[in-house]
Amino acid sequence: TAGDGHGVDAGTDTVSWTIVDMQGSEVVYDKTDPASTGDAIADDMRGPVVSITDLDVTQNTSDGTTTISVGLPGGVAVNENVTVTVQMVYSDGSVHDHTVTIPAGQSAGNLTLPVPNTDYYHVRIVGSTGGETRFDDGFRFVDVGNGGGSGPFNGRLELSLDASDSIAENGGVAGYTITGHLPGNYMPLLNGDVTFTLKTYGNSAAQGTDYSEGEVTVTLSAELLARIKYFEGGDFTLKLTDDGNGNIVPTIYDSNGNPFTPILPGAIKVTGDLPKANDDNHVEGDETFTTIITGISSNATVSGSDGGMAKTTIVDDDTPKVKVEVTGGLDDDGNAHEGQTPITVTVSLVDPVTNEPLDPANGPITLELTFGGDATRGTDFVPYTTTVTIQPGEG
């Protein structure tokens, strides 16, 4: 809006406008609308990331409830309600989804629930709507302690999990390393066999599309656990690897890294399949999934240090295609003419399969273009070399 010059000719003032990032229900300025001028403003749909900001350290609350807090980074609010879906995976493998709302103008919301009747649970955010929000889908671990016994001979086997840090997209298979510790009050022959399941949950990688589900169930016999406690120091490492033909090979080691020999038939039972990456030939960047120890028998639990979970990255082996096309300045026959205004050359990254544009989300990409042909460089046309930078969000 032009200010009053109070009768004095102040000449022509120039006003510069800077478009800043807008989040929430945005006005889209369209040059075809009489109420606005200039170019349309493209919404990059890159709003703030919702994350779990706080969890009850102890589940032994006086009112029998537990609170999960979600929030926006830096305490910066958006101008509309944000609905967040929180997923809890109990120790028995059951999945429970809940929703919590971050009200418009606020930066946080709380989900209060009865303390789950489970030994432990893993919790993450699996969805958010409103405010153009994205979400952090990493799991958090909470030890509830509602499993197993507490008597002098009711100790529980404690398990930790490690998984392949990365696997190739073209058929890579994840392997697992499970470490176990038997406390002094664990009575193997009284407690019986131990059973647990390794189950995968997709993060940026979609289960069934980017990788096979790969659920694995393991049973360790009471006799094997007795050997570990009384003759192997109470600690062991179990590795599950692929033999190259889709079969799981279990190998168990003592605390010094020496394999147990011999192993009686039935001492270790393994069923299911290890997760395997699927090659879809699409450029989508590296993607991840998480494996969690679930379905665990009451005579075992998971270590609080890692929560019995591990993340694996599927390394994308597909390469984007650079697409160069003239999008302006040519006549109906596709020709340019001497003395005309410059032509427009559009450079983009596209998927080699679908030809759809790609977003260099991990940072800008700079390309150098060199033009050539029958025309003489520098005489018939200039410039003949230039650089183009594709910024994140542009594609």
Protein backbone atom coordinates (compact mmCIF):
# COMPACT_ATOMS: atom_id res chain seq x y z
CA THR A 1 0.00 0.00 0.00
CA ALA A 2 1.42 3.38 -1.05
CA GLY A 3 1.77 5.92 1.76
CA ASP A 4 0.46 9.51 1.66
CA GLY A 5 3.16 11.86 0.38
CA HIS A 6 1.45 14.81 2.13
CA GLY A 7 1.23 16.74 -1.12
CA VAL A 8 4.92 16.41 -1.91
CA ASP A 9 5.94 14.68 -5.12
CA ALA A 10 8.20 11.98 -3.83
CA GLY A 11 8.76 10.40 -7.21
CA THR A 12 8.34 6.66 -7.74
CA ASP A 13 9.07 4.30 -4.88
CA THR A 14 10.11 0.70 -5.43
CA VAL A 15 8.81 -1.96 -3.05
CA SER A 16 10.56 -5.33 -2.89
CA TRP A 17 8.69 -8.40 -1.76
CA THR A 18 10.26 -11.54 -0.34
CA ILE A 19 8.22 -14.74 -0.28
CA VAL A 20 8.90 -16.57 2.98
CA ASP A 21 8.01 -20.13 3.86
CA MET A 22 4.35 -20.52 4.71
CA GLN A 23 2.98 -23.48 6.64
CA GLY A 24 -0.59 -24.51 7.25
CA SER A 25 -3.63 -23.48 5.22
CA GLU A 26 -1.92 -21.24 2.71
CA VAL A 27 -3.27 -18.72 0.24
CA VAL A 28 -2.14 -19.64 -3.26
CA TYR A 29 -1.47 -16.52 -5.31
CA ASP A 30 -2.44 -17.03 -8.94
CA LYS A 31 -1.54 -14.54 -11.66
CA THR A 32 -4.85 -15.25 -13.41
CA ASP A 33 -6.76 -14.00 -10.35
CA PRO A 34 -7.55 -10.24 -10.52
CA ALA A 35 -6.85 -10.00 -6.79
CA SER A 36 -3.19 -10.84 -7.30
CA THR A 37 -0.38 -10.12 -9.73
CA GLY A 38 2.86 -11.72 -10.71
CA ASP A 39 3.82 -15.37 -10.73
CA ALA A 40 2.04 -18.12 -8.89
CA ILE A 41 3.65 -19.21 -5.63
CA ALA A 42 4.21 -22.95 -5.62
CA ASP A 43 3.62 -24.59 -2.26
CA ASP A 44 6.53 -26.90 -1.47
CA MET A 45 4.46 -28.84 1.12
CA ARG A 46 7.51 -29.02 3.38
CA GLY A 47 6.07 -28.20 6.75
CA PRO A 48 7.54 -28.86 10.19
CA VAL A 49 8.36 -32.37 11.43
CA VAL A 50 6.20 -33.70 14.26
CA SER A 51 8.08 -35.89 16.74
CA ILE A 52 7.63 -37.57 20.10
CA THR A 53 9.06 -35.06 22.56
CA ASP A 54 8.48 -36.75 25.91
CA LEU A 55 7.63 -40.13 27.43
CA ASP A 56 7.03 -41.17 31.02
CA VAL A 57 10.31 -42.56 32.32
CA THR A 58 8.42 -44.78 34.72
CA GLN A 59 5.11 -46.46 34.08
CA ASN A 60 4.38 -46.76 37.81
CA THR A 61 2.26 -43.61 37.90
CA SER A 62 -0.09 -42.93 40.79
CA ASP A 63 -3.18 -42.68 38.56
CA GLY A 64 -2.31 -45.70 36.40
CA THR A 65 -1.86 -43.65 33.24
CA THR A 66 1.02 -42.86 30.94
CA THR A 67 1.49 -39.77 28.78
CA ILE A 68 3.06 -39.50 25.33
CA SER A 69 3.84 -35.95 24.23
CA VAL A 70 4.19 -34.89 20.58
CA GLY A 71 5.37 -31.53 19.35
CA LEU A 72 6.63 -29.26 16.60
CA PRO A 73 10.30 -28.21 16.36
CA GLY A 74 11.34 -25.08 18.22
CA GLY A 75 7.91 -24.69 19.77
CA VAL A 76 6.70 -22.96 16.60
CA ALA A 77 2.95 -23.38 16.07
CA VAL A 78 1.02 -23.67 12.80
CA ASN A 79 -2.30 -22.05 11.99
CA GLU A 80 -4.48 -25.15 11.94
CA ASN A 81 -5.08 -28.31 13.94
CA VAL A 82 -2.51 -31.07 13.45
CA THR A 83 -3.82 -34.61 13.96
CA VAL A 84 -1.07 -37.08 14.85
CA THR A 85 -1.38 -40.88 14.74
CA VAL A 86 0.71 -42.68 17.34
CA GLN A 87 1.42 -46.40 17.04
CA MET A 88 2.32 -48.67 19.97
CA VAL A 89 3.73 -52.18 19.48
CA TYR A 90 3.35 -54.32 22.61
CA SER A 91 5.78 -57.04 23.65
CA ASP A 92 3.34 -59.68 22.36
CA GLY A 93 3.53 -58.12 18.88
CA SER A 94 0.05 -56.58 18.91
CA VAL A 95 -0.27 -53.12 17.33
CA HIS A 96 -2.39 -50.31 18.81
CA ASP A 97 -2.99 -46.95 17.07
CA HIS A 98 -4.12 -43.75 18.84
CA THR A 99 -4.62 -40.15 17.72
CA VAL A 100 -3.72 -36.89 19.44
CA THR A 101 -4.35 -33.32 18.25
CA ILE A 102 -1.98 -30.37 18.40
CA PRO A 103 -4.46 -27.45 18.41
CA ALA A 104 -4.05 -24.55 16.00
CA GLY A 105 -1.75 -21.93 17.46
CA GLN A 106 -0.08 -24.44 19.78
CA SER A 107 3.08 -26.46 19.32
CA ALA A 108 2.43 -29.60 21.39
CA GLY A 109 -0.20 -32.15 22.33
CA ASN A 110 -0.46 -34.92 24.91
CA LEU A 111 -1.86 -38.43 24.62
CA THR A 112 -2.79 -39.91 28.00
CA LEU A 113 -3.60 -43.63 28.17
CA PRO A 114 -3.95 -46.34 30.80
CA VAL A 115 -0.58 -48.00 31.41
CA PRO A 116 -0.54 -50.87 28.88
CA ASN A 117 -0.73 -54.41 30.22
CA THR A 118 2.50 -55.47 28.57
CA ASP A 119 6.13 -56.13 29.49
CA TYR A 120 7.31 -53.28 27.26
CA TYR A 121 6.25 -51.40 24.17
CA HIS A 122 7.73 -49.52 21.25
CA VAL A 123 6.04 -46.31 20.15
CA ARG A 124 6.33 -44.10 17.07
CA ILE A 125 4.39 -41.65 14.91
CA VAL A 126 2.92 -43.14 11.74
CA GLY A 127 0.91 -40.20 10.39
CA SER A 128 0.12 -36.51 10.68
CA THR A 129 -2.37 -34.27 8.89
CA GLY A 130 -2.69 -30.50 8.95
CA GLY A 131 -0.11 -27.74 8.81
CA GLU A 132 1.69 -29.52 5.97
CA THR A 133 3.43 -31.47 8.71
CA ARG A 134 5.75 -34.38 8.18
CA PHE A 135 6.67 -36.77 10.97
CA ASP A 136 9.57 -38.63 12.58
CA ASP A 137 8.66 -42.33 12.43
CA GLY A 138 11.53 -43.61 14.57
CA PHE A 139 10.60 -45.98 17.39
CA ARG A 140 11.04 -45.18 21.08
CA PHE A 141 11.26 -47.88 23.74
CA VAL A 142 9.33 -47.92 27.02
CA ASP A 143 9.87 -50.58 29.72
CA VAL A 144 6.59 -51.26 31.52
CA GLY A 145 7.72 -54.30 33.52
CA ASN A 146 4.43 -56.22 33.52
CA GLY A 147 5.98 -59.52 32.44
CA GLY A 148 7.82 -62.39 34.11
CA GLY A 149 8.20 -63.15 37.78
CA SER A 150 10.15 -61.56 40.61
CA GLY A 151 10.90 -64.52 42.88
CA PRO A 152 14.43 -65.75 43.68
CA PHE A 153 14.35 -68.29 40.84
CA ASN A 154 12.33 -66.25 38.35
CA GLY A 155 15.07 -64.30 36.62
CA ARG A 156 14.58 -63.70 32.91
CA LEU A 157 16.82 -64.10 29.90
CA GLU A 158 17.74 -60.61 28.67
CA LEU A 159 18.01 -60.16 24.89
CA SER A 160 19.56 -57.45 22.72
CA LEU A 161 19.26 -57.13 18.94
CA ASP A 162 21.52 -55.93 16.17
CA ALA A 163 20.75 -56.09 12.45
CA SER A 164 22.57 -55.47 9.19
CA ASP A 165 23.26 -51.75 8.99
CA SER A 166 22.55 -51.77 5.27
CA ILE A 167 21.60 -54.14 2.45
CA ALA A 168 21.66 -53.74 -1.31
CA GLU A 169 18.37 -52.92 -3.00
CA ASN A 170 18.89 -55.63 -5.59
CA GLY A 171 18.05 -58.66 -3.46
CA GLY A 172 20.07 -57.87 -0.33
CA VAL A 173 19.13 -59.98 2.72
CA ALA A 174 19.35 -58.68 6.29
CA GLY A 175 21.04 -60.72 8.98
CA TYR A 176 20.53 -60.57 12.74
CA THR A 177 22.74 -60.80 15.82
CA ILE A 178 21.00 -61.54 19.12
CA THR A 179 22.96 -61.38 22.35
CA GLY A 180 21.66 -62.94 25.55
CA HIS A 181 22.45 -62.76 29.23
CA LEU A 182 21.23 -65.20 31.89
CA PRO A 183 21.15 -63.64 35.39
CA GLY A 184 22.22 -65.58 38.45
CA ASN A 185 18.64 -66.32 39.54
CA TYR A 186 17.63 -67.78 36.17
CA MET A 187 16.73 -71.48 36.42
CA PRO A 188 16.78 -72.85 32.85
CA LEU A 189 15.20 -76.24 33.46
CA LEU A 190 12.44 -74.72 35.62
CA ASN A 191 11.75 -71.83 33.23
CA GLY A 192 11.64 -73.99 30.11
CA ASP A 193 12.20 -73.03 26.47
CA VAL A 194 12.47 -69.38 25.38
CA THR A 195 10.66 -68.18 22.27
CA PHE A 196 10.74 -64.78 20.55
CA THR A 197 9.93 -63.30 17.15
CA LEU A 198 11.86 -60.78 15.03
CA LYS A 199 9.30 -58.65 13.22
CA THR A 200 9.88 -55.81 10.77
CA TYR A 201 8.09 -52.47 10.58
CA GLY A 202 8.50 -50.13 7.64
CA ASN A 203 9.92 -46.64 8.05
CA SER A 204 10.61 -44.93 4.73
CA ALA A 205 10.77 -48.43 3.19
CA ALA A 206 7.33 -49.95 2.60
CA GLN A 207 6.84 -53.50 3.78
CA GLY A 208 5.88 -55.80 0.90
CA THR A 209 6.91 -53.25 -1.74
CA ASP A 210 10.48 -52.28 -0.88
CA TYR A 211 11.27 -55.41 1.13
CA SER A 212 9.72 -58.71 2.12
CA GLU A 213 8.23 -58.84 5.61
CA GLY A 214 10.79 -61.36 6.80
CA GLU A 215 9.30 -62.44 10.13
CA VAL A 216 11.52 -64.90 12.04
CA THR A 217 10.61 -66.93 15.15
CA VAL A 218 13.35 -68.44 17.31
CA THR A 219 13.07 -71.04 20.09
CA LEU A 220 15.99 -71.84 22.40
CA SER A 221 15.61 -75.08 24.36
CA ALA A 222 15.84 -75.21 28.14
CA GLU A 223 18.72 -77.70 27.80
CA LEU A 224 20.72 -75.28 25.64
CA LEU A 225 20.11 -72.44 28.10
CA ALA A 226 21.25 -74.71 30.96
CA ARG A 227 24.49 -75.37 29.10
CA ILE A 228 24.95 -71.61 28.55
CA LYS A 229 24.43 -70.81 32.22
CA TYR A 230 26.42 -73.56 33.84
CA PHE A 231 29.21 -74.16 31.31
CA GLU A 232 29.46 -71.03 29.11
CA GLY A 233 29.35 -68.22 31.69
CA GLY A 234 25.72 -67.23 31.13
CA ASP A 235 26.27 -65.14 27.97
CA PHE A 236 25.85 -66.00 24.29
CA THR A 237 25.55 -64.54 20.81
CA LEU A 238 23.20 -65.98 18.21
CA LYS A 239 23.68 -65.02 14.56
CA LEU A 240 21.04 -65.58 11.89
CA THR A 241 22.38 -65.40 8.33
CA ASP A 242 21.22 -66.35 4.85
CA ASP A 243 22.90 -69.28 3.11
CA GLY A 244 22.37 -67.77 -0.35
CA ASN A 245 19.41 -70.02 -1.10
CA GLY A 246 16.81 -68.40 1.14
CA ASN A 247 17.52 -70.59 4.17
CA ILE A 248 18.37 -69.24 7.63
CA VAL A 249 21.60 -70.49 9.20
CA PRO A 250 21.69 -70.09 13.02
CA THR A 251 25.10 -70.06 14.71
CA ILE A 252 25.56 -69.62 18.44
CA TYR A 253 28.76 -68.38 20.12
CA ASP A 254 30.07 -68.05 23.67
CA SER A 255 31.19 -64.75 25.18
CA ASN A 256 34.66 -65.21 23.64
CA GLY A 257 33.27 -65.58 20.12
CA ASN A 258 33.80 -69.33 19.92
CA PRO A 259 30.99 -71.34 18.29
CA PHE A 260 29.21 -73.92 20.40
CA THR A 261 29.97 -77.49 19.33
CA PRO A 262 28.25 -79.80 19.24
CA ILE A 263 24.67 -78.49 19.21
CA LEU A 264 22.03 -81.12 19.85
CA PRO A 265 19.18 -81.41 17.31
CA GLY A 266 16.27 -79.18 18.30
CA ALA A 267 18.37 -76.97 20.58
CA ILE A 268 17.74 -74.00 18.26
CA LYS A 269 14.56 -73.87 16.19
CA VAL A 270 14.19 -71.12 13.58
CA THR A 271 11.17 -70.60 11.33
CA GLY A 272 10.26 -67.89 8.84
CA ASP A 273 12.32 -65.80 6.44
CA LEU A 274 14.89 -63.04 6.73
CA PRO A 275 13.83 -59.68 5.21
CA LYS A 276 14.95 -59.27 1.60
CA ALA A 277 15.10 -56.04 -0.40
CA ASN A 278 13.07 -55.77 -3.60
CA ASP A 279 14.58 -53.99 -6.61
CA ASP A 280 11.89 -51.80 -8.19
CA ASN A 281 14.22 -49.90 -10.58
CA HIS A 282 12.85 -46.59 -9.29
CA VAL A 283 14.99 -43.77 -7.95
CA GLU A 284 13.76 -43.20 -4.41
CA GLY A 285 16.87 -42.76 -2.29
CA ASP A 286 17.97 -44.94 0.60
CA GLU A 287 15.10 -46.28 2.70
CA THR A 288 14.89 -47.87 6.13
CA PHE A 289 12.93 -50.40 8.15
CA THR A 290 13.08 -51.40 11.82
CA THR A 291 13.17 -54.89 13.33
CA ILE A 292 11.80 -55.42 16.86
CA ILE A 293 11.88 -58.38 19.24
CA THR A 294 8.21 -59.21 19.86
CA GLY A 295 6.11 -62.19 20.87
CA ILE A 296 8.59 -62.92 23.61
CA SER A 297 7.87 -65.63 26.18
CA SER A 298 7.40 -64.61 29.82
CA ASN A 299 10.75 -66.07 30.87
CA ALA A 300 12.62 -63.49 28.74
CA THR A 301 12.70 -59.75 28.14
CA VAL A 302 14.69 -57.20 26.13
CA SER A 303 17.61 -55.03 27.14
CA GLY A 304 16.78 -51.45 28.04
CA SER A 305 19.97 -50.28 26.30
CA ASP A 306 18.65 -50.93 22.79
CA GLY A 307 15.03 -51.86 23.46
CA GLY A 308 15.38 -54.99 21.39
CA MET A 309 15.20 -53.07 18.11
CA ALA A 310 17.52 -52.30 15.20
CA LYS A 311 17.26 -50.31 11.96
CA THR A 312 18.39 -51.42 8.49
CA THR A 313 18.94 -49.21 5.45
CA ILE A 314 18.13 -50.38 1.91
CA VAL A 315 20.75 -48.70 -0.30
CA ASP A 316 19.17 -47.44 -3.51
CA ASP A 317 21.15 -48.56 -6.58
CA ASP A 318 19.10 -46.70 -9.18
CA THR A 319 20.38 -43.56 -10.90
CA PRO A 320 18.19 -40.61 -11.91
CA LYS A 321 18.11 -39.41 -15.50
CA VAL A 322 18.84 -35.80 -16.42
CA LYS A 323 16.17 -34.47 -18.77
CA VAL A 324 16.94 -31.41 -20.91
CA GLU A 325 14.22 -29.86 -23.06
CA VAL A 326 13.52 -26.53 -24.75
CA THR A 327 10.30 -25.22 -23.23
CA GLY A 328 10.09 -21.72 -24.70
CA GLY A 329 11.29 -19.46 -27.49
CA LEU A 330 10.69 -21.78 -30.47
CA ASP A 331 8.16 -21.33 -33.26
CA ASP A 332 5.49 -23.88 -34.13
CA ASP A 333 8.03 -25.84 -36.17
CA GLY A 334 10.49 -26.04 -33.30
CA ASN A 335 12.94 -23.49 -34.70
CA ALA A 336 14.67 -20.44 -33.22
CA HIS A 337 15.45 -17.32 -35.27
CA GLU A 338 18.31 -14.85 -35.38
CA GLY A 339 17.78 -11.79 -33.24
CA GLN A 340 14.94 -13.28 -31.25
CA THR A 341 14.63 -13.33 -27.47
CA PRO A 342 16.51 -16.12 -25.67
CA ILE A 343 15.06 -19.59 -25.74
CA THR A 344 14.15 -21.34 -22.46
CA VAL A 345 15.90 -24.59 -21.59
CA THR A 346 14.45 -26.64 -18.72
CA VAL A 347 16.65 -29.11 -16.89
CA SER A 348 15.14 -31.64 -14.50
CA LEU A 349 15.87 -34.93 -12.75
CA VAL A 350 13.46 -37.69 -13.68
CA ASP A 351 12.88 -41.32 -12.79
CA PRO A 352 14.36 -43.49 -15.57
CA VAL A 353 11.28 -45.76 -15.50
CA THR A 354 8.32 -43.42 -15.11
CA ASN A 355 9.95 -40.22 -16.41
CA GLU A 356 8.36 -38.45 -13.43
CA PRO A 357 10.34 -35.54 -11.93
CA LEU A 358 12.45 -36.25 -8.84
CA ASP A 359 13.19 -34.00 -5.89
CA PRO A 360 16.87 -33.78 -4.82
CA ALA A 361 15.79 -33.79 -1.19
CA ASN A 362 19.30 -34.33 0.19
CA GLY A 363 20.70 -31.11 -1.21
CA PRO A 364 21.07 -29.05 -4.41
CA ILE A 365 22.48 -30.59 -7.58
CA THR A 366 24.50 -28.44 -10.01
CA LEU A 367 24.86 -29.44 -13.67
CA GLU A 368 26.96 -27.92 -16.43
CA LEU A 369 25.33 -27.65 -19.85
CA THR A 370 27.29 -27.24 -23.07
CA PHE A 371 25.44 -26.37 -26.28
CA GLY A 372 26.76 -27.35 -29.68
CA GLY A 373 25.82 -28.21 -33.22
CA ASP A 374 26.28 -26.81 -36.74
CA ALA A 375 25.98 -23.23 -35.46
CA THR A 376 29.23 -21.57 -34.39
CA ARG A 377 29.66 -21.14 -30.68
CA GLY A 378 30.13 -17.54 -29.58
CA THR A 379 29.22 -16.22 -33.03
CA ASP A 380 25.82 -17.67 -33.87
CA PHE A 381 24.71 -18.19 -30.28
CA VAL A 382 25.78 -17.44 -26.72
CA PRO A 383 26.36 -18.68 -24.15
CA TYR A 384 27.47 -22.14 -25.09
CA THR A 385 28.32 -23.28 -21.55
CA THR A 386 26.24 -22.57 -18.45
CA THR A 387 25.46 -24.11 -15.10
CA VAL A 388 22.06 -25.01 -13.73
CA THR A 389 21.33 -25.76 -10.07
CA ILE A 390 18.29 -27.78 -9.03
CA GLN A 391 17.30 -26.96 -5.46
CA PRO A 392 15.45 -29.29 -3.08
CA GLY A 393 11.73 -28.95 -3.68
CA GLU A 394 12.17 -28.01 -7.34
CA GLY A 395 12.63 -31.45 -8.97
